[in-house]
Amino acid sequence: HPFKHYDWRYNGEKNQWQGGFGKLVLGETWVAHHGRHKQQSTRGIIADESHDHPLVNGIDDGAIWGPTDVYRVRTPLDADAENIIMGQTIDRTGDFDDTDTLYGMRESDDKIAMDIMSDDPEKTYNPNLPMPPLVWTKSYQLPGGSSGRALTSTIGASTDMLDEEVRRLFVNAVYHLLDMEVPEKANVTIVGSYTPSAFSFHDDEHWDTMHLLVEDQIWPKR
């Protein structure tokens, strides 16, 4: 298939595409969950070298938060990659709630995770030593094609977007990647209502019962 090399599992003859689009263009592809899914949340810590970076304009250190767990990233990243935000794994302090959009996790949770079971049930590891990159920038060169710049974030699920600083991060990124001046503190107030669903997998029957139509997703409503 002509698009096979874009897949994150690609390990074919096109050496520069090993790891697919993610590895070549973004700097990393899917690896694994780093924190415990639905049990631990993510707090964004500004990388030591990036406190003055325009991407963090209007964002306090540690203010980025999302209920999704930190994703594993193999380090070091490419030599031209620049870490912007590191992902701190946070334990849930309240009870797990499968009916809650955030599964019982809250931005006020402040217990830094110290150990997680690995794939080997006899071993644990500290997910915060070191913290993996959460947001980074890099340049890329497509084989025989264009060059460009990319920003990669492993936070950004629909429920993560409830956080003002997560939204500001992405707005800042748009300005930055377009070579425009990043506002000191961009207005990221939600327009209209925003009630995201919890991250989860659903079978086909679930979507059949939803009866979703394209016209239902258009905003503002006609």
C-alpha atoms as a PDB file:
ATOM      1  CA  HIS A   1       0.000   0.000   0.000  1.00  0.00           C
ATOM      2  CA  PRO A   2       1.436   3.432  -0.916  1.00  0.00           C
ATOM      3  CA  PHE A   3       0.641   4.841   2.541  1.00  0.00           C
ATOM      4  CA  LYS A   4       1.936   1.888   4.548  1.00  0.00           C
ATOM      5  CA  HIS A   5       5.087   3.708   5.650  1.00  0.00           C
ATOM      6  CA  TYR A   6       3.024   6.308   7.544  1.00  0.00           C
ATOM      7  CA  ASP A   7       1.933   3.662  10.056  1.00  0.00           C
ATOM      8  CA  TRP A   8       3.553   3.759  13.515  1.00  0.00           C
ATOM      9  CA  ARG A   9       4.379   0.054  13.184  1.00  0.00           C
ATOM     10  CA  TYR A  10       6.235   0.450   9.884  1.00  0.00           C
ATOM     11  CA  ASN A  11       9.613  -1.315   9.746  1.00  0.00           C
ATOM     12  CA  GLY A  12       9.976  -1.901   6.010  1.00  0.00           C
ATOM     13  CA  GLU A  13      12.567  -1.034   3.401  1.00  0.00           C
ATOM     14  CA  LYS A  14      12.165   2.761   3.594  1.00  0.00           C
ATOM     15  CA  ASN A  15      14.698   3.322   6.341  1.00  0.00           C
ATOM     16  CA  GLN A  16      13.873   6.978   6.907  1.00  0.00           C
ATOM     17  CA  TRP A  17      10.265   6.052   7.606  1.00  0.00           C
ATOM     18  CA  GLN A  18      10.987   3.540  10.366  1.00  0.00           C
ATOM     19  CA  GLY A  19       8.332   4.236  13.001  1.00  0.00           C
ATOM     20  CA  GLY A  20       6.081   5.949  10.479  1.00  0.00           C
ATOM     21  CA  PHE A  21       4.870   9.526  10.220  1.00  0.00           C
ATOM     22  CA  GLY A  22       5.070  10.025  13.970  1.00  0.00           C
ATOM     23  CA  LYS A  23       8.733   9.163  14.292  1.00  0.00           C
ATOM     24  CA  LEU A  24       9.912  11.063  11.203  1.00  0.00           C
ATOM     25  CA  VAL A  25       7.789  14.207  11.414  1.00  0.00           C
ATOM     26  CA  LEU A  26       6.781  14.481  15.068  1.00  0.00           C
ATOM     27  CA  GLY A  27       9.854  12.930  16.665  1.00  0.00           C
ATOM     28  CA  GLU A  28       8.120   9.979  18.321  1.00  0.00           C
ATOM     29  CA  THR A  29       5.372   7.478  17.610  1.00  0.00           C
ATOM     30  CA  TRP A  30       3.073   5.476  19.865  1.00  0.00           C
ATOM     31  CA  VAL A  31       5.075   3.582  22.483  1.00  0.00           C
ATOM     32  CA  ALA A  32       2.978   2.887  25.590  1.00  0.00           C
ATOM     33  CA  HIS A  33       1.168   4.414  28.528  1.00  0.00           C
ATOM     34  CA  HIS A  34       3.663   5.773  31.057  1.00  0.00           C
ATOM     35  CA  GLY A  35       1.186   6.497  33.823  1.00  0.00           C
ATOM     36  CA  ARG A  36      -1.711   4.240  34.790  1.00  0.00           C
ATOM     37  CA  HIS A  37      -4.660   4.705  32.438  1.00  0.00           C
ATOM     38  CA  LYS A  38      -7.740   6.187  34.176  1.00  0.00           C
ATOM     39  CA  GLN A  39      -5.856   6.111  37.488  1.00  0.00           C
ATOM     40  CA  GLN A  40      -3.186   8.808  37.183  1.00  0.00           C
ATOM     41  CA  SER A  41      -3.312  12.267  35.635  1.00  0.00           C
ATOM     42  CA  THR A  42      -0.764  14.547  33.985  1.00  0.00           C
ATOM     43  CA  ARG A  43       0.713  17.805  35.219  1.00  0.00           C
ATOM     44  CA  GLY A  44       2.835  19.841  32.837  1.00  0.00           C
ATOM     45  CA  ILE A  45       6.168  21.083  34.184  1.00  0.00           C
ATOM     46  CA  ILE A  46       7.982  23.649  32.044  1.00  0.00           C
ATOM     47  CA  ALA A  47      11.366  22.308  30.927  1.00  0.00           C
ATOM     48  CA  ASP A  48      14.311  24.059  32.579  1.00  0.00           C
ATOM     49  CA  GLU A  49      15.490  25.557  29.305  1.00  0.00           C
ATOM     50  CA  SER A  50      12.050  26.729  28.143  1.00  0.00           C
ATOM     51  CA  HIS A  51      10.729  29.114  30.810  1.00  0.00           C
ATOM     52  CA  ASP A  52      11.190  32.044  28.425  1.00  0.00           C
ATOM     53  CA  HIS A  53       9.874  30.244  25.341  1.00  0.00           C
ATOM     54  CA  PRO A  54       6.885  31.990  23.687  1.00  0.00           C
ATOM     55  CA  LEU A  55       4.971  28.707  23.686  1.00  0.00           C
ATOM     56  CA  VAL A  56       4.518  29.031  27.458  1.00  0.00           C
ATOM     57  CA  ASN A  57       3.353  32.656  27.386  1.00  0.00           C
ATOM     58  CA  GLY A  58       0.609  33.105  29.961  1.00  0.00           C
ATOM     59  CA  ILE A  59       1.171  29.620  31.416  1.00  0.00           C
ATOM     60  CA  ASP A  60       2.492  29.171  34.957  1.00  0.00           C
ATOM     61  CA  ASP A  61       4.795  26.286  35.755  1.00  0.00           C
ATOM     62  CA  GLY A  62       2.697  23.297  36.798  1.00  0.00           C
ATOM     63  CA  ALA A  63      -0.577  24.907  35.675  1.00  0.00           C
ATOM     64  CA  ILE A  64      -1.137  22.544  32.748  1.00  0.00           C
ATOM     65  CA  TRP A  65      -3.240  19.573  33.856  1.00  0.00           C
ATOM     66  CA  GLY A  66      -5.203  16.817  32.208  1.00  0.00           C
ATOM     67  CA  PRO A  67      -6.938  13.611  33.381  1.00  0.00           C
ATOM     68  CA  THR A  68      -5.207  11.576  30.693  1.00  0.00           C
ATOM     69  CA  ASP A  69      -2.113   9.736  31.841  1.00  0.00           C
ATOM     70  CA  VAL A  70       1.404  10.603  30.720  1.00  0.00           C
ATOM     71  CA  TYR A  71       2.529   8.767  27.578  1.00  0.00           C
ATOM     72  CA  ARG A  72       5.875   7.069  27.279  1.00  0.00           C
ATOM     73  CA  VAL A  73       8.422   8.785  25.034  1.00  0.00           C
ATOM     74  CA  ARG A  74      11.802   7.327  24.153  1.00  0.00           C
ATOM     75  CA  THR A  75      14.611   9.704  24.964  1.00  0.00           C
ATOM     76  CA  PRO A  76      16.733  11.393  23.958  1.00  0.00           C
ATOM     77  CA  LEU A  77      14.652  12.874  21.156  1.00  0.00           C
ATOM     78  CA  ASP A  78      16.285  13.968  17.898  1.00  0.00           C
ATOM     79  CA  ALA A  79      19.195  16.370  18.289  1.00  0.00           C
ATOM     80  CA  ASP A  80      17.173  19.291  16.918  1.00  0.00           C
ATOM     81  CA  ALA A  81      14.182  18.664  19.195  1.00  0.00           C
ATOM     82  CA  GLU A  82      13.467  21.186  21.949  1.00  0.00           C
ATOM     83  CA  ASN A  83      11.652  20.061  25.085  1.00  0.00           C
ATOM     84  CA  ILE A  84       9.000  22.578  26.125  1.00  0.00           C
ATOM     85  CA  ILE A  85       6.888  20.797  28.758  1.00  0.00           C
ATOM     86  CA  MET A  86       7.687  17.673  30.788  1.00  0.00           C
ATOM     87  CA  GLY A  87       4.953  15.279  31.924  1.00  0.00           C
ATOM     88  CA  GLN A  88       4.628  14.712  35.668  1.00  0.00           C
ATOM     89  CA  THR A  89       2.567  11.682  36.710  1.00  0.00           C
ATOM     90  CA  ILE A  90       0.068  12.467  39.489  1.00  0.00           C
ATOM     91  CA  ASP A  91      -1.815   9.948  41.638  1.00  0.00           C
ATOM     92  CA  ARG A  92      -5.564  10.329  42.053  1.00  0.00           C
ATOM     93  CA  THR A  93      -6.298  11.287  45.680  1.00  0.00           C
ATOM     94  CA  GLY A  94     -10.053  10.672  45.555  1.00  0.00           C
ATOM     95  CA  ASP A  95     -11.991   7.528  44.745  1.00  0.00           C
ATOM     96  CA  PHE A  96     -12.198   6.106  41.248  1.00  0.00           C
ATOM     97  CA  ASP A  97     -15.534   6.948  39.656  1.00  0.00           C
ATOM     98  CA  ASP A  98     -16.355   5.251  36.369  1.00  0.00           C
ATOM     99  CA  THR A  99     -19.390   7.518  35.915  1.00  0.00           C
ATOM    100  CA  ASP A 100     -17.331  10.713  36.214  1.00  0.00           C
ATOM    101  CA  THR A 101     -15.946  12.391  33.097  1.00  0.00           C
ATOM    102  CA  LEU A 102     -12.559  12.674  34.838  1.00  0.00           C
ATOM    103  CA  TYR A 103     -12.774   9.230  36.516  1.00  0.00           C
ATOM    104  CA  GLY A 104     -12.502  10.850  39.938  1.00  0.00           C
ATOM    105  CA  MET A 105      -9.289  12.735  39.166  1.00  0.00           C
ATOM    106  CA  ARG A 106      -9.089  16.463  39.814  1.00  0.00           C
ATOM    107  CA  GLU A 107      -6.640  19.256  39.064  1.00  0.00           C
ATOM    108  CA  SER A 108      -6.253  19.697  42.831  1.00  0.00           C
ATOM    109  CA  ASP A 109      -4.690  16.214  43.108  1.00  0.00           C
ATOM    110  CA  ASP A 110      -1.153  16.864  44.311  1.00  0.00           C
ATOM    111  CA  LYS A 111       0.322  13.468  45.131  1.00  0.00           C
ATOM    112  CA  ILE A 112       3.317  12.914  42.863  1.00  0.00           C
ATOM    113  CA  ALA A 113       3.476   9.271  41.763  1.00  0.00           C
ATOM    114  CA  MET A 114       6.468   7.370  43.101  1.00  0.00           C
ATOM    115  CA  ASP A 115       6.054   3.899  41.690  1.00  0.00           C
ATOM    116  CA  ILE A 116       4.092   1.999  39.061  1.00  0.00           C
ATOM    117  CA  MET A 117       3.991  -1.694  38.298  1.00  0.00           C
ATOM    118  CA  SER A 118       5.886  -2.521  35.132  1.00  0.00           C
ATOM    119  CA  ASP A 119       5.055  -5.247  32.626  1.00  0.00           C
ATOM    120  CA  ASP A 120       6.946  -7.504  35.006  1.00  0.00           C
ATOM    121  CA  PRO A 121       4.698  -7.945  38.086  1.00  0.00           C
ATOM    122  CA  GLU A 122       7.807  -8.320  40.256  1.00  0.00           C
ATOM    123  CA  LYS A 123       9.133  -4.868  39.367  1.00  0.00           C
ATOM    124  CA  THR A 124       8.076  -1.253  39.808  1.00  0.00           C
ATOM    125  CA  TYR A 125       9.470   1.982  38.415  1.00  0.00           C
ATOM    126  CA  ASN A 126       9.263   5.663  39.306  1.00  0.00           C
ATOM    127  CA  PRO A 127       7.434   7.386  36.419  1.00  0.00           C
ATOM    128  CA  ASN A 128       8.870  10.772  37.378  1.00  0.00           C
ATOM    129  CA  LEU A 129      12.556   9.831  37.344  1.00  0.00           C
ATOM    130  CA  PRO A 130      12.996  11.128  34.770  1.00  0.00           C
ATOM    131  CA  MET A 131       9.813  12.790  33.582  1.00  0.00           C
ATOM    132  CA  PRO A 132       9.222  12.160  29.857  1.00  0.00           C
ATOM    133  CA  PRO A 133       8.682  15.027  27.415  1.00  0.00           C
ATOM    134  CA  LEU A 134       5.029  16.056  27.142  1.00  0.00           C
ATOM    135  CA  VAL A 135       5.395  18.827  24.541  1.00  0.00           C
ATOM    136  CA  TRP A 136       8.314  19.441  22.204  1.00  0.00           C
ATOM    137  CA  THR A 137       9.183  21.066  18.890  1.00  0.00           C
ATOM    138  CA  LYS A 138      11.394  19.796  16.090  1.00  0.00           C
ATOM    139  CA  SER A 139      12.154  20.301  12.432  1.00  0.00           C
ATOM    140  CA  TYR A 140      11.673  17.588   9.827  1.00  0.00           C
ATOM    141  CA  GLN A 141      12.672  16.778   6.271  1.00  0.00           C
ATOM    142  CA  LEU A 142      10.435  14.538   4.186  1.00  0.00           C
ATOM    143  CA  PRO A 143      12.488  12.207   1.964  1.00  0.00           C
ATOM    144  CA  GLY A 144      12.432  13.839  -1.453  1.00  0.00           C
ATOM    145  CA  GLY A 145       9.970  16.438  -0.219  1.00  0.00           C
ATOM    146  CA  SER A 146       9.391  19.451   1.973  1.00  0.00           C
ATOM    147  CA  SER A 147      10.954  20.485   5.236  1.00  0.00           C
ATOM    148  CA  GLY A 148       9.049  22.031   8.096  1.00  0.00           C
ATOM    149  CA  ARG A 149       8.574  22.479  11.814  1.00  0.00           C
ATOM    150  CA  ALA A 150       6.329  20.443  14.072  1.00  0.00           C
ATOM    151  CA  LEU A 151       5.035  20.677  17.598  1.00  0.00           C
ATOM    152  CA  THR A 152       4.119  17.435  19.312  1.00  0.00           C
ATOM    153  CA  SER A 153       1.977  17.062  22.422  1.00  0.00           C
ATOM    154  CA  THR A 154       0.936  13.861  24.155  1.00  0.00           C
ATOM    155  CA  ILE A 155      -1.736  15.761  26.087  1.00  0.00           C
ATOM    156  CA  GLY A 156      -4.836  16.967  24.287  1.00  0.00           C
ATOM    157  CA  ALA A 157      -7.797  14.609  24.709  1.00  0.00           C
ATOM    158  CA  SER A 158     -11.230  16.236  24.791  1.00  0.00           C
ATOM    159  CA  THR A 159     -11.315  16.283  28.599  1.00  0.00           C
ATOM    160  CA  ASP A 160      -7.799  17.756  28.727  1.00  0.00           C
ATOM    161  CA  MET A 161      -9.210  20.737  26.835  1.00  0.00           C
ATOM    162  CA  LEU A 162     -11.304  21.655  29.863  1.00  0.00           C
ATOM    163  CA  ASP A 163      -8.071  23.042  31.312  1.00  0.00           C
ATOM    164  CA  GLU A 164      -7.456  26.693  30.431  1.00  0.00           C
ATOM    165  CA  GLU A 165      -3.687  26.271  30.217  1.00  0.00           C
ATOM    166  CA  VAL A 166      -3.949  23.288  27.872  1.00  0.00           C
ATOM    167  CA  ARG A 167      -6.093  25.381  25.550  1.00  0.00           C
ATOM    168  CA  ARG A 168      -3.648  28.291  25.803  1.00  0.00           C
ATOM    169  CA  LEU A 169      -0.756  25.984  24.930  1.00  0.00           C
ATOM    170  CA  PHE A 170      -2.402  24.994  21.648  1.00  0.00           C
ATOM    171  CA  VAL A 171      -3.403  28.550  20.781  1.00  0.00           C
ATOM    172  CA  ASN A 172       0.189  29.654  21.450  1.00  0.00           C
ATOM    173  CA  ALA A 173       1.398  26.825  19.210  1.00  0.00           C
ATOM    174  CA  VAL A 174      -0.704  28.052  16.278  1.00  0.00           C
ATOM    175  CA  TYR A 175       0.819  31.527  16.521  1.00  0.00           C
ATOM    176  CA  HIS A 176       4.331  30.153  16.962  1.00  0.00           C
ATOM    177  CA  LEU A 177       4.243  27.719  14.044  1.00  0.00           C
ATOM    178  CA  LEU A 178       2.883  30.453  11.775  1.00  0.00           C
ATOM    179  CA  ASP A 179       5.823  32.703  12.742  1.00  0.00           C
ATOM    180  CA  MET A 180       3.426  35.142  14.373  1.00  0.00           C
ATOM    181  CA  GLU A 181       3.978  36.928  17.665  1.00  0.00           C
ATOM    182  CA  VAL A 182       2.553  34.854  20.506  1.00  0.00           C
ATOM    183  CA  PRO A 183       0.245  36.876  22.801  1.00  0.00           C
ATOM    184  CA  GLU A 184       1.443  37.455  26.345  1.00  0.00           C
ATOM    185  CA  LYS A 185      -1.751  35.777  27.570  1.00  0.00           C
ATOM    186  CA  ALA A 186      -4.104  34.635  24.841  1.00  0.00           C
ATOM    187  CA  ASN A 187      -7.835  34.690  25.490  1.00  0.00           C
ATOM    188  CA  VAL A 188      -8.875  31.031  25.432  1.00  0.00           C
ATOM    189  CA  THR A 189     -12.362  31.387  26.878  1.00  0.00           C
ATOM    190  CA  ILE A 190     -14.592  28.593  25.586  1.00  0.00           C
ATOM    191  CA  VAL A 191     -17.133  29.805  23.031  1.00  0.00           C
ATOM    192  CA  GLY A 192     -20.539  28.266  23.585  1.00  0.00           C
ATOM    193  CA  SER A 193     -20.956  25.123  25.674  1.00  0.00           C
ATOM    194  CA  TYR A 194     -18.352  22.382  25.917  1.00  0.00           C
ATOM    195  CA  THR A 195     -19.209  19.089  27.598  1.00  0.00           C
ATOM    196  CA  PRO A 196     -16.700  16.464  26.455  1.00  0.00           C
ATOM    197  CA  SER A 197     -17.234  12.790  27.082  1.00  0.00           C
ATOM    198  CA  ALA A 198     -14.767  10.689  29.040  1.00  0.00           C
ATOM    199  CA  PHE A 199     -12.017   8.977  27.077  1.00  0.00           C
ATOM    200  CA  SER A 200     -12.940   5.351  26.500  1.00  0.00           C
ATOM    201  CA  PHE A 201     -13.324   2.656  23.876  1.00  0.00           C
ATOM    202  CA  HIS A 202     -16.789   1.856  22.524  1.00  0.00           C
ATOM    203  CA  ASP A 203     -18.029  -0.964  20.338  1.00  0.00           C
ATOM    204  CA  ASP A 204     -20.010  -0.488  17.127  1.00  0.00           C
ATOM    205  CA  GLU A 205     -23.316  -0.928  18.943  1.00  0.00           C
ATOM    206  CA  HIS A 206     -22.601   2.171  21.031  1.00  0.00           C
ATOM    207  CA  TRP A 207     -22.139   4.351  17.960  1.00  0.00           C
ATOM    208  CA  ASP A 208     -25.186   2.862  16.247  1.00  0.00           C
ATOM    209  CA  THR A 209     -27.346   3.927  19.187  1.00  0.00           C
ATOM    210  CA  MET A 210     -25.882   7.458  19.155  1.00  0.00           C
ATOM    211  CA  HIS A 211     -27.323   8.169  15.680  1.00  0.00           C
ATOM    212  CA  LEU A 212     -24.743  10.903  15.095  1.00  0.00           C
ATOM    213  CA  LEU A 213     -25.125  13.003  11.963  1.00  0.00           C
ATOM    214  CA  VAL A 214     -22.643  15.396  10.377  1.00  0.00           C
ATOM    215  CA  GLU A 215     -25.116  18.264  10.552  1.00  0.00           C
ATOM    216  CA  ASP A 216     -25.423  17.732  14.307  1.00  0.00           C
ATOM    217  CA  GLN A 217     -21.738  18.636  14.711  1.00  0.00           C
ATOM    218  CA  ILE A 218     -21.927  21.994  12.927  1.00  0.00           C
ATOM    219  CA  TRP A 219     -21.518  25.036  15.156  1.00  0.00           C
ATOM    220  CA  PRO A 220     -23.128  27.472  15.406  1.00  0.00           C
ATOM    221  CA  LYS A 221     -26.377  25.651  14.852  1.00  0.00           C
ATOM    222  CA  ARG A 222     -28.188  26.681  11.714  1.00  0.00           C
END
